[in-house]
Amino acid sequence: MTAPDGTLAGNVAVVTAGCAGLGLAVARRLVEDGATVIATSRDPATVARCNEQWADTGQTLVARQLNFETAQCDRLFCDIAETFGGVDILVNAAAGRGSARTVEQTGSPDLLEHYSATVLTAFNCSQSVVKNSERTHIKSIVNIGSIYGVLAVDHRIYDDPERQTPVGYACAKAALVQLTRYLAAYWGPRDIRVNCVSVGGIARDQDEQFRHRYNARVPLGRMAQASEAADVVAFLAGPRSSYVTGANIMVDGGLHIW
């Protein structure tokens, strides 16, 4: 893990889905680098629990509810800008939560749920923060993608077809990469950078056999730690990447080169 260096001191960052999982790892990494971070969740109970847990930690980390409708995005970003003085960084970490199913079992609602939760939410938040740029002063947008938005899912590593990565998830993450490129080109003249981090498998509570099969595919021979992906997000969010835009950085231990 890269040592925090305070390069984001004075910056305000919003991390969608930042109350758990990889989003939370990103939020905490940005805090370590000096940013004030607003982590969002769709669930009011999660927001309340996180604010209670973080209240006495001394961290500049707070939670807010966000359902991603355009009007709510506008209200939230304007409120954050008024309260904290702006929004310099946006990290779009929200993604679909649909259950894994085989292609044969997948219906249109499954695909639409993943697309809505991943692509539309990233678009709505990005559009809103830039549309209100006179208040937010946005500088950097980072989208959280996946290796399966770039590579085909290797179905051989799943012993149960119904536990594999859903087709809707893969398609939505692929669309997110193209959204990154489109917005980077469109907002480049306004000096707003848009990048993507496509993350490989993160070590959690996977069973040992699955991890063995997955690790065999990776040149570095292991799954990622969430902190390793968060380090790359922090790099793209801050001034050290001031001439990087439209990039999709693969954080996958080299899996994509085989």
C-alpha atoms as a PDB file:
ATOM      1  CA  MET A   1       0.000   0.000   0.000  1.00  0.00           C
ATOM      2  CA  THR A   2       1.247   3.453  -0.912  1.00  0.00           C
ATOM      3  CA  ALA A   3       1.956   5.610   2.136  1.00  0.00           C
ATOM      4  CA  PRO A   4      -0.573   8.456   2.534  1.00  0.00           C
ATOM      5  CA  ASP A   5       1.073  11.745   1.662  1.00  0.00           C
ATOM      6  CA  GLY A   6      -1.576  14.425   2.129  1.00  0.00           C
ATOM      7  CA  THR A   7      -1.812  15.195  -1.580  1.00  0.00           C
ATOM      8  CA  LEU A   8      -5.605  15.524  -1.318  1.00  0.00           C
ATOM      9  CA  ALA A   9      -5.606  17.943   1.611  1.00  0.00           C
ATOM     10  CA  GLY A  10      -8.327  20.533   1.141  1.00  0.00           C
ATOM     11  CA  ASN A  11     -10.218  18.408  -1.396  1.00  0.00           C
ATOM     12  CA  VAL A  12     -13.798  17.218  -1.008  1.00  0.00           C
ATOM     13  CA  ALA A  13     -14.647  13.814  -2.487  1.00  0.00           C
ATOM     14  CA  VAL A  14     -17.934  11.987  -2.985  1.00  0.00           C
ATOM     15  CA  VAL A  15     -17.753   8.177  -3.175  1.00  0.00           C
ATOM     16  CA  THR A  16     -20.963   6.479  -4.244  1.00  0.00           C
ATOM     17  CA  ALA A  17     -21.572   3.124  -2.537  1.00  0.00           C
ATOM     18  CA  GLY A  18     -18.828   4.254  -0.193  1.00  0.00           C
ATOM     19  CA  CYS A  19     -20.240   2.742   2.998  1.00  0.00           C
ATOM     20  CA  ALA A  20     -19.100  -0.836   2.377  1.00  0.00           C
ATOM     21  CA  GLY A  21     -16.797  -3.042   0.349  1.00  0.00           C
ATOM     22  CA  LEU A  22     -14.424  -1.520  -2.174  1.00  0.00           C
ATOM     23  CA  GLY A  23     -16.217   1.824  -1.988  1.00  0.00           C
ATOM     24  CA  LEU A  24     -15.450   2.054   1.717  1.00  0.00           C
ATOM     25  CA  ALA A  25     -11.804   1.132   1.112  1.00  0.00           C
ATOM     26  CA  VAL A  26     -11.609   3.965  -1.424  1.00  0.00           C
ATOM     27  CA  ALA A  27     -13.313   6.414   0.929  1.00  0.00           C
ATOM     28  CA  ARG A  28     -10.878   5.638   3.735  1.00  0.00           C
ATOM     29  CA  ARG A  29      -7.889   5.877   1.386  1.00  0.00           C
ATOM     30  CA  LEU A  30      -8.952   9.349   0.262  1.00  0.00           C
ATOM     31  CA  VAL A  31      -9.380  10.384   3.897  1.00  0.00           C
ATOM     32  CA  GLU A  32      -5.850   9.155   4.636  1.00  0.00           C
ATOM     33  CA  ASP A  33      -4.592  11.412   1.846  1.00  0.00           C
ATOM     34  CA  GLY A  34      -6.269  14.406   3.453  1.00  0.00           C
ATOM     35  CA  ALA A  35      -9.624  14.647   1.684  1.00  0.00           C
ATOM     36  CA  THR A  36     -12.994  15.242   3.280  1.00  0.00           C
ATOM     37  CA  VAL A  37     -15.135  12.360   2.023  1.00  0.00           C
ATOM     38  CA  ILE A  38     -18.883  11.990   1.681  1.00  0.00           C
ATOM     39  CA  ALA A  39     -19.779   8.306   1.204  1.00  0.00           C
ATOM     40  CA  THR A  40     -23.233   7.529  -0.150  1.00  0.00           C
ATOM     41  CA  SER A  41     -25.621   4.610   0.232  1.00  0.00           C
ATOM     42  CA  ARG A  42     -29.149   3.988  -1.002  1.00  0.00           C
ATOM     43  CA  ASP A  43     -30.149   2.569   2.386  1.00  0.00           C
ATOM     44  CA  PRO A  44     -31.063   5.076   5.135  1.00  0.00           C
ATOM     45  CA  ALA A  45     -30.252   2.539   7.871  1.00  0.00           C
ATOM     46  CA  THR A  46     -26.754   2.041   6.449  1.00  0.00           C
ATOM     47  CA  VAL A  47     -26.222   5.803   6.339  1.00  0.00           C
ATOM     48  CA  ALA A  48     -27.312   6.182   9.960  1.00  0.00           C
ATOM     49  CA  ARG A  49     -25.148   3.279  11.119  1.00  0.00           C
ATOM     50  CA  CYS A  50     -22.063   4.565   9.309  1.00  0.00           C
ATOM     51  CA  ASN A  51     -22.440   8.087  10.661  1.00  0.00           C
ATOM     52  CA  GLU A  52     -22.776   6.675  14.157  1.00  0.00           C
ATOM     53  CA  GLN A  53     -19.688   4.501  13.740  1.00  0.00           C
ATOM     54  CA  TRP A  54     -17.592   7.303  12.259  1.00  0.00           C
ATOM     55  CA  ALA A  55     -18.742  10.101  14.560  1.00  0.00           C
ATOM     56  CA  ASP A  56     -16.016   9.722  17.192  1.00  0.00           C
ATOM     57  CA  THR A  57     -13.163   8.530  14.967  1.00  0.00           C
ATOM     58  CA  GLY A  58     -11.860  11.959  14.053  1.00  0.00           C
ATOM     59  CA  GLN A  59     -12.045  11.012  10.360  1.00  0.00           C
ATOM     60  CA  THR A  60     -13.336  13.537   7.850  1.00  0.00           C
ATOM     61  CA  LEU A  61     -15.804  10.933   6.611  1.00  0.00           C
ATOM     62  CA  VAL A  62     -19.591  11.242   6.605  1.00  0.00           C
ATOM     63  CA  ALA A  63     -22.416   9.300   4.964  1.00  0.00           C
ATOM     64  CA  ARG A  64     -25.350  10.591   2.950  1.00  0.00           C
ATOM     65  CA  GLN A  65     -28.302   8.860   1.308  1.00  0.00           C
ATOM     66  CA  LEU A  66     -28.464   8.902  -2.495  1.00  0.00           C
ATOM     67  CA  ASN A  67     -30.936   7.087  -4.730  1.00  0.00           C
ATOM     68  CA  PHE A  68     -29.350   8.438  -7.938  1.00  0.00           C
ATOM     69  CA  GLU A  69     -32.364  10.117  -9.516  1.00  0.00           C
ATOM     70  CA  THR A  70     -31.221  13.242 -11.365  1.00  0.00           C
ATOM     71  CA  ALA A  71     -33.082  15.659  -9.101  1.00  0.00           C
ATOM     72  CA  GLN A  72     -31.718  14.021  -5.949  1.00  0.00           C
ATOM     73  CA  CYS A  73     -28.187  14.062  -7.361  1.00  0.00           C
ATOM     74  CA  ASP A  74     -28.535  17.783  -8.044  1.00  0.00           C
ATOM     75  CA  ARG A  75     -29.769  18.443  -4.510  1.00  0.00           C
ATOM     76  CA  LEU A  76     -27.066  16.348  -2.890  1.00  0.00           C
ATOM     77  CA  PHE A  77     -24.149  17.852  -4.799  1.00  0.00           C
ATOM     78  CA  CYS A  78     -25.400  21.394  -4.273  1.00  0.00           C
ATOM     79  CA  ASP A  79     -25.882  20.681  -0.564  1.00  0.00           C
ATOM     80  CA  ILE A  80     -22.389  19.190  -0.257  1.00  0.00           C
ATOM     81  CA  ALA A  81     -20.886  22.126  -2.132  1.00  0.00           C
ATOM     82  CA  GLU A  82     -22.646  24.573   0.172  1.00  0.00           C
ATOM     83  CA  THR A  83     -21.671  22.677   3.325  1.00  0.00           C
ATOM     84  CA  PHE A  84     -18.093  21.731   2.463  1.00  0.00           C
ATOM     85  CA  GLY A  85     -17.126  24.368  -0.080  1.00  0.00           C
ATOM     86  CA  GLY A  86     -17.218  22.260  -3.247  1.00  0.00           C
ATOM     87  CA  VAL A  87     -16.823  18.784  -4.699  1.00  0.00           C
ATOM     88  CA  ASP A  88     -13.377  18.262  -6.199  1.00  0.00           C
ATOM     89  CA  ILE A  89     -13.519  14.479  -6.703  1.00  0.00           C
ATOM     90  CA  LEU A  90     -16.292  12.046  -7.626  1.00  0.00           C
ATOM     91  CA  VAL A  91     -15.773   8.281  -7.413  1.00  0.00           C
ATOM     92  CA  ASN A  92     -18.565   6.238  -8.988  1.00  0.00           C
ATOM     93  CA  ALA A  93     -18.362   2.899  -7.172  1.00  0.00           C
ATOM     94  CA  ALA A  94     -22.052   1.923  -7.251  1.00  0.00           C
ATOM     95  CA  ALA A  95     -22.925  -1.250  -9.158  1.00  0.00           C
ATOM     96  CA  GLY A  96     -25.750  -3.708  -9.635  1.00  0.00           C
ATOM     97  CA  ARG A  97     -26.541  -6.170  -6.867  1.00  0.00           C
ATOM     98  CA  GLY A  98     -28.529  -8.706  -8.861  1.00  0.00           C
ATOM     99  CA  SER A  99     -28.068 -12.361  -8.029  1.00  0.00           C
ATOM    100  CA  ALA A 100     -25.864 -14.528 -10.209  1.00  0.00           C
ATOM    101  CA  ARG A 101     -27.766 -16.535 -12.802  1.00  0.00           C
ATOM    102  CA  THR A 102     -26.979 -18.503 -15.892  1.00  0.00           C
ATOM    103  CA  VAL A 103     -27.513 -16.836 -19.259  1.00  0.00           C
ATOM    104  CA  GLU A 104     -30.554 -19.045 -19.801  1.00  0.00           C
ATOM    105  CA  GLN A 105     -32.090 -17.844 -16.523  1.00  0.00           C
ATOM    106  CA  THR A 106     -31.356 -14.163 -17.119  1.00  0.00           C
ATOM    107  CA  GLY A 107     -34.221 -11.886 -18.127  1.00  0.00           C
ATOM    108  CA  SER A 108     -34.460  -8.303 -19.298  1.00  0.00           C
ATOM    109  CA  PRO A 109     -35.089  -6.997 -15.752  1.00  0.00           C
ATOM    110  CA  ASP A 110     -31.741  -8.464 -14.641  1.00  0.00           C
ATOM    111  CA  LEU A 111     -29.867  -6.687 -17.417  1.00  0.00           C
ATOM    112  CA  LEU A 112     -31.707  -3.428 -16.836  1.00  0.00           C
ATOM    113  CA  GLU A 113     -31.059  -3.548 -13.084  1.00  0.00           C
ATOM    114  CA  HIS A 114     -27.317  -3.841 -13.614  1.00  0.00           C
ATOM    115  CA  TYR A 115     -27.273  -1.145 -16.298  1.00  0.00           C
ATOM    116  CA  SER A 116     -29.315   1.234 -14.170  1.00  0.00           C
ATOM    117  CA  ALA A 117     -27.324   0.677 -10.976  1.00  0.00           C
ATOM    118  CA  THR A 118     -23.935   0.918 -12.688  1.00  0.00           C
ATOM    119  CA  VAL A 119     -24.097   3.073 -15.823  1.00  0.00           C
ATOM    120  CA  LEU A 120     -27.075   5.335 -15.222  1.00  0.00           C
ATOM    121  CA  THR A 121     -26.024   6.119 -11.660  1.00  0.00           C
ATOM    122  CA  ALA A 122     -22.495   6.991 -12.807  1.00  0.00           C
ATOM    123  CA  PHE A 123     -23.900   9.141 -15.598  1.00  0.00           C
ATOM    124  CA  ASN A 124     -26.434  10.927 -13.367  1.00  0.00           C
ATOM    125  CA  CYS A 125     -23.844  11.689 -10.704  1.00  0.00           C
ATOM    126  CA  SER A 126     -21.238  12.819 -13.228  1.00  0.00           C
ATOM    127  CA  GLN A 127     -23.721  14.970 -15.109  1.00  0.00           C
ATOM    128  CA  SER A 128     -24.982  16.543 -11.903  1.00  0.00           C
ATOM    129  CA  VAL A 129     -21.585  17.366 -10.420  1.00  0.00           C
ATOM    130  CA  VAL A 130     -20.404  18.946 -13.671  1.00  0.00           C
ATOM    131  CA  LYS A 131     -23.709  20.700 -14.384  1.00  0.00           C
ATOM    132  CA  ASN A 132     -23.324  22.394 -11.015  1.00  0.00           C
ATOM    133  CA  SER A 133     -19.587  23.006 -11.474  1.00  0.00           C
ATOM    134  CA  GLU A 134     -19.891  26.687 -10.557  1.00  0.00           C
ATOM    135  CA  ARG A 135     -20.598  25.425  -7.050  1.00  0.00           C
ATOM    136  CA  THR A 136     -18.746  22.127  -7.040  1.00  0.00           C
ATOM    137  CA  HIS A 137     -15.509  23.013  -8.913  1.00  0.00           C
ATOM    138  CA  ILE A 138     -15.135  19.349  -9.901  1.00  0.00           C
ATOM    139  CA  LYS A 139     -11.661  18.298 -11.053  1.00  0.00           C
ATOM    140  CA  SER A 140     -11.574  14.502 -11.288  1.00  0.00           C
ATOM    141  CA  ILE A 141     -14.105  11.709 -11.823  1.00  0.00           C
ATOM    142  CA  VAL A 142     -13.070   8.080 -11.310  1.00  0.00           C
ATOM    143  CA  ASN A 143     -15.333   5.197 -12.303  1.00  0.00           C
ATOM    144  CA  ILE A 144     -14.906   1.762 -10.730  1.00  0.00           C
ATOM    145  CA  GLY A 145     -14.979  -0.872 -13.444  1.00  0.00           C
ATOM    146  CA  SER A 146     -14.144  -4.566 -13.526  1.00  0.00           C
ATOM    147  CA  ILE A 147     -11.910  -6.904 -15.460  1.00  0.00           C
ATOM    148  CA  TYR A 148     -15.132  -8.508 -16.643  1.00  0.00           C
ATOM    149  CA  GLY A 149     -16.017  -5.264 -18.396  1.00  0.00           C
ATOM    150  CA  VAL A 150     -12.920  -5.847 -20.557  1.00  0.00           C
ATOM    151  CA  LEU A 151     -12.394  -9.621 -20.563  1.00  0.00           C
ATOM    152  CA  ALA A 152     -14.801 -12.490 -21.018  1.00  0.00           C
ATOM    153  CA  VAL A 153     -15.753 -14.273 -17.808  1.00  0.00           C
ATOM    154  CA  ASP A 154     -13.751 -17.482 -17.446  1.00  0.00           C
ATOM    155  CA  HIS A 155     -16.591 -19.860 -16.681  1.00  0.00           C
ATOM    156  CA  ARG A 156     -14.146 -22.672 -15.931  1.00  0.00           C
ATOM    157  CA  ILE A 157     -13.252 -21.243 -12.523  1.00  0.00           C
ATOM    158  CA  TYR A 158     -16.838 -21.497 -11.227  1.00  0.00           C
ATOM    159  CA  ASP A 159     -17.962 -24.894  -9.962  1.00  0.00           C
ATOM    160  CA  ASP A 160     -21.592 -23.734  -9.873  1.00  0.00           C
ATOM    161  CA  PRO A 161     -22.951 -21.977 -13.014  1.00  0.00           C
ATOM    162  CA  GLU A 162     -25.373 -20.019 -10.858  1.00  0.00           C
ATOM    163  CA  ARG A 163     -22.510 -18.501  -8.824  1.00  0.00           C
ATOM    164  CA  GLN A 164     -20.613 -17.030 -11.749  1.00  0.00           C
ATOM    165  CA  THR A 165     -20.446 -13.333 -12.522  1.00  0.00           C
ATOM    166  CA  PRO A 166     -23.810 -12.330 -14.056  1.00  0.00           C
ATOM    167  CA  VAL A 167     -23.930 -11.354 -17.717  1.00  0.00           C
ATOM    168  CA  GLY A 168     -25.673  -8.092 -16.778  1.00  0.00           C
ATOM    169  CA  TYR A 169     -22.801  -7.121 -14.481  1.00  0.00           C
ATOM    170  CA  ALA A 170     -20.215  -7.731 -17.207  1.00  0.00           C
ATOM    171  CA  CYS A 171     -22.168  -5.798 -19.839  1.00  0.00           C
ATOM    172  CA  ALA A 172     -22.750  -2.855 -17.507  1.00  0.00           C
ATOM    173  CA  LYS A 173     -19.087  -2.638 -16.539  1.00  0.00           C
ATOM    174  CA  ALA A 174     -18.138  -2.685 -20.246  1.00  0.00           C
ATOM    175  CA  ALA A 175     -20.499   0.212 -20.879  1.00  0.00           C
ATOM    176  CA  LEU A 176     -18.917   2.090 -17.973  1.00  0.00           C
ATOM    177  CA  VAL A 177     -15.523   1.990 -19.729  1.00  0.00           C
ATOM    178  CA  GLN A 178     -17.019   3.595 -22.828  1.00  0.00           C
ATOM    179  CA  LEU A 179     -18.850   6.174 -20.717  1.00  0.00           C
ATOM    180  CA  THR A 180     -15.470   7.044 -19.181  1.00  0.00           C
ATOM    181  CA  ARG A 181     -13.921   7.655 -22.601  1.00  0.00           C
ATOM    182  CA  TYR A 182     -16.889   9.641 -23.868  1.00  0.00           C
ATOM    183  CA  LEU A 183     -17.005  11.966 -20.868  1.00  0.00           C
ATOM    184  CA  ALA A 184     -13.215  12.376 -20.820  1.00  0.00           C
ATOM    185  CA  ALA A 185     -13.272  13.597 -24.411  1.00  0.00           C
ATOM    186  CA  TYR A 186     -16.349  15.757 -23.871  1.00  0.00           C
ATOM    187  CA  TRP A 187     -15.223  17.469 -20.661  1.00  0.00           C
ATOM    188  CA  GLY A 188     -11.511  17.589 -21.438  1.00  0.00           C
ATOM    189  CA  PRO A 189     -11.747  21.206 -22.686  1.00  0.00           C
ATOM    190  CA  ARG A 190     -13.140  22.120 -19.257  1.00  0.00           C
ATOM    191  CA  ASP A 191     -10.086  20.543 -17.590  1.00  0.00           C
ATOM    192  CA  ILE A 192     -12.211  17.846 -15.954  1.00  0.00           C
ATOM    193  CA  ARG A 193     -10.516  14.460 -15.985  1.00  0.00           C
ATOM    194  CA  VAL A 194     -12.479  11.204 -16.197  1.00  0.00           C
ATOM    195  CA  ASN A 195     -10.788   7.829 -15.690  1.00  0.00           C
ATOM    196  CA  CYS A 196     -11.699   4.239 -14.878  1.00  0.00           C
ATOM    197  CA  VAL A 197     -10.139   1.585 -12.648  1.00  0.00           C
ATOM    198  CA  SER A 198     -11.016  -1.963 -13.721  1.00  0.00           C
ATOM    199  CA  VAL A 199     -10.475  -4.186 -10.714  1.00  0.00           C
ATOM    200  CA  GLY A 200      -9.789  -7.912 -10.646  1.00  0.00           C
ATOM    201  CA  GLY A 201     -11.039 -10.339  -8.033  1.00  0.00           C
ATOM    202  CA  ILE A 202     -10.722  -9.030  -4.477  1.00  0.00           C
ATOM    203  CA  ALA A 203      -9.962 -11.478  -1.679  1.00  0.00           C
ATOM    204  CA  ARG A 204     -12.955 -11.792   0.621  1.00  0.00           C
ATOM    205  CA  ASP A 205     -14.545 -14.990   1.893  1.00  0.00           C
ATOM    206  CA  GLN A 206     -14.319 -17.050  -1.305  1.00  0.00           C
ATOM    207  CA  ASP A 207     -13.904 -20.791  -0.858  1.00  0.00           C
ATOM    208  CA  GLU A 208     -10.381 -22.160  -1.144  1.00  0.00           C
ATOM    209  CA  GLN A 209     -10.953 -24.098  -4.362  1.00  0.00           C
ATOM    210  CA  PHE A 210     -12.279 -21.048  -6.173  1.00  0.00           C
ATOM    211  CA  ARG A 211      -9.371 -18.918  -4.995  1.00  0.00           C
ATOM    212  CA  HIS A 212      -6.916 -21.590  -6.159  1.00  0.00           C
ATOM    213  CA  ARG A 213      -8.481 -21.668  -9.634  1.00  0.00           C
ATOM    214  CA  TYR A 214      -8.592 -17.889  -9.844  1.00  0.00           C
ATOM    215  CA  ASN A 215      -5.020 -17.417  -8.611  1.00  0.00           C
ATOM    216  CA  ALA A 216      -3.772 -19.838 -11.259  1.00  0.00           C
ATOM    217  CA  ARG A 217      -4.946 -17.367 -13.902  1.00  0.00           C
ATOM    218  CA  VAL A 218      -3.072 -14.392 -12.423  1.00  0.00           C
ATOM    219  CA  PRO A 219       0.619 -13.709 -13.144  1.00  0.00           C
ATOM    220  CA  LEU A 220       1.068 -12.389  -9.584  1.00  0.00           C
ATOM    221  CA  GLY A 221      -0.586 -15.575  -8.311  1.00  0.00           C
ATOM    222  CA  ARG A 222      -3.140 -14.050  -5.950  1.00  0.00           C
ATOM    223  CA  MET A 223      -6.316 -12.007  -5.641  1.00  0.00           C
ATOM    224  CA  ALA A 224      -6.221  -8.282  -4.938  1.00  0.00           C
ATOM    225  CA  GLN A 225      -6.567  -6.514  -1.626  1.00  0.00           C
ATOM    226  CA  ALA A 226      -9.172  -3.727  -1.674  1.00  0.00           C
ATOM    227  CA  SER A 227      -6.480  -1.294  -0.532  1.00  0.00           C
ATOM    228  CA  GLU A 228      -4.474  -1.964  -3.709  1.00  0.00           C
ATOM    229  CA  ALA A 229      -7.345  -0.813  -5.900  1.00  0.00           C
ATOM    230  CA  ALA A 230      -8.005   2.131  -3.586  1.00  0.00           C
ATOM    231  CA  ASP A 231      -4.401   3.297  -4.027  1.00  0.00           C
ATOM    232  CA  VAL A 232      -4.891   3.563  -7.786  1.00  0.00           C
ATOM    233  CA  VAL A 233      -8.156   5.452  -7.339  1.00  0.00           C
ATOM    234  CA  ALA A 234      -6.381   7.910  -5.037  1.00  0.00           C
ATOM    235  CA  PHE A 235      -3.676   8.417  -7.670  1.00  0.00           C
ATOM    236  CA  LEU A 236      -6.246   9.185 -10.370  1.00  0.00           C
ATOM    237  CA  ALA A 237      -8.211  11.444  -8.056  1.00  0.00           C
ATOM    238  CA  GLY A 238      -5.294  13.698  -7.221  1.00  0.00           C
ATOM    239  CA  PRO A 239      -2.729  16.021  -8.806  1.00  0.00           C
ATOM    240  CA  ARG A 240      -0.142  13.299  -9.440  1.00  0.00           C
ATOM    241  CA  SER A 241      -2.251  12.176 -12.426  1.00  0.00           C
ATOM    242  CA  SER A 242      -2.929  15.672 -13.786  1.00  0.00           C
ATOM    243  CA  TYR A 243      -2.225  14.630 -17.401  1.00  0.00           C
ATOM    244  CA  VAL A 244      -4.173  11.341 -17.271  1.00  0.00           C
ATOM    245  CA  THR A 245      -7.704  11.240 -18.645  1.00  0.00           C
ATOM    246  CA  GLY A 246      -9.780   8.716 -20.549  1.00  0.00           C
ATOM    247  CA  ALA A 247      -7.658   5.877 -19.155  1.00  0.00           C
ATOM    248  CA  ASN A 248      -8.872   2.492 -18.010  1.00  0.00           C
ATOM    249  CA  ILE A 249      -6.276   1.159 -15.602  1.00  0.00           C
ATOM    250  CA  MET A 250      -6.356  -2.586 -15.020  1.00  0.00           C
ATOM    251  CA  VAL A 251      -5.715  -3.484 -11.375  1.00  0.00           C
ATOM    252  CA  ASP A 252      -5.773  -7.244 -11.787  1.00  0.00           C
ATOM    253  CA  GLY A 253      -2.332  -8.650 -11.017  1.00  0.00           C
ATOM    254  CA  GLY A 254      -1.710  -8.985 -14.744  1.00  0.00           C
ATOM    255  CA  LEU A 255      -4.661 -11.274 -15.465  1.00  0.00           C
ATOM    256  CA  HIS A 256      -5.520  -9.423 -18.670  1.00  0.00           C
ATOM    257  CA  ILE A 257      -2.130 -10.056 -20.305  1.00  0.00           C
ATOM    258  CA  TRP A 258      -2.750 -13.817 -20.623  1.00  0.00           C
END
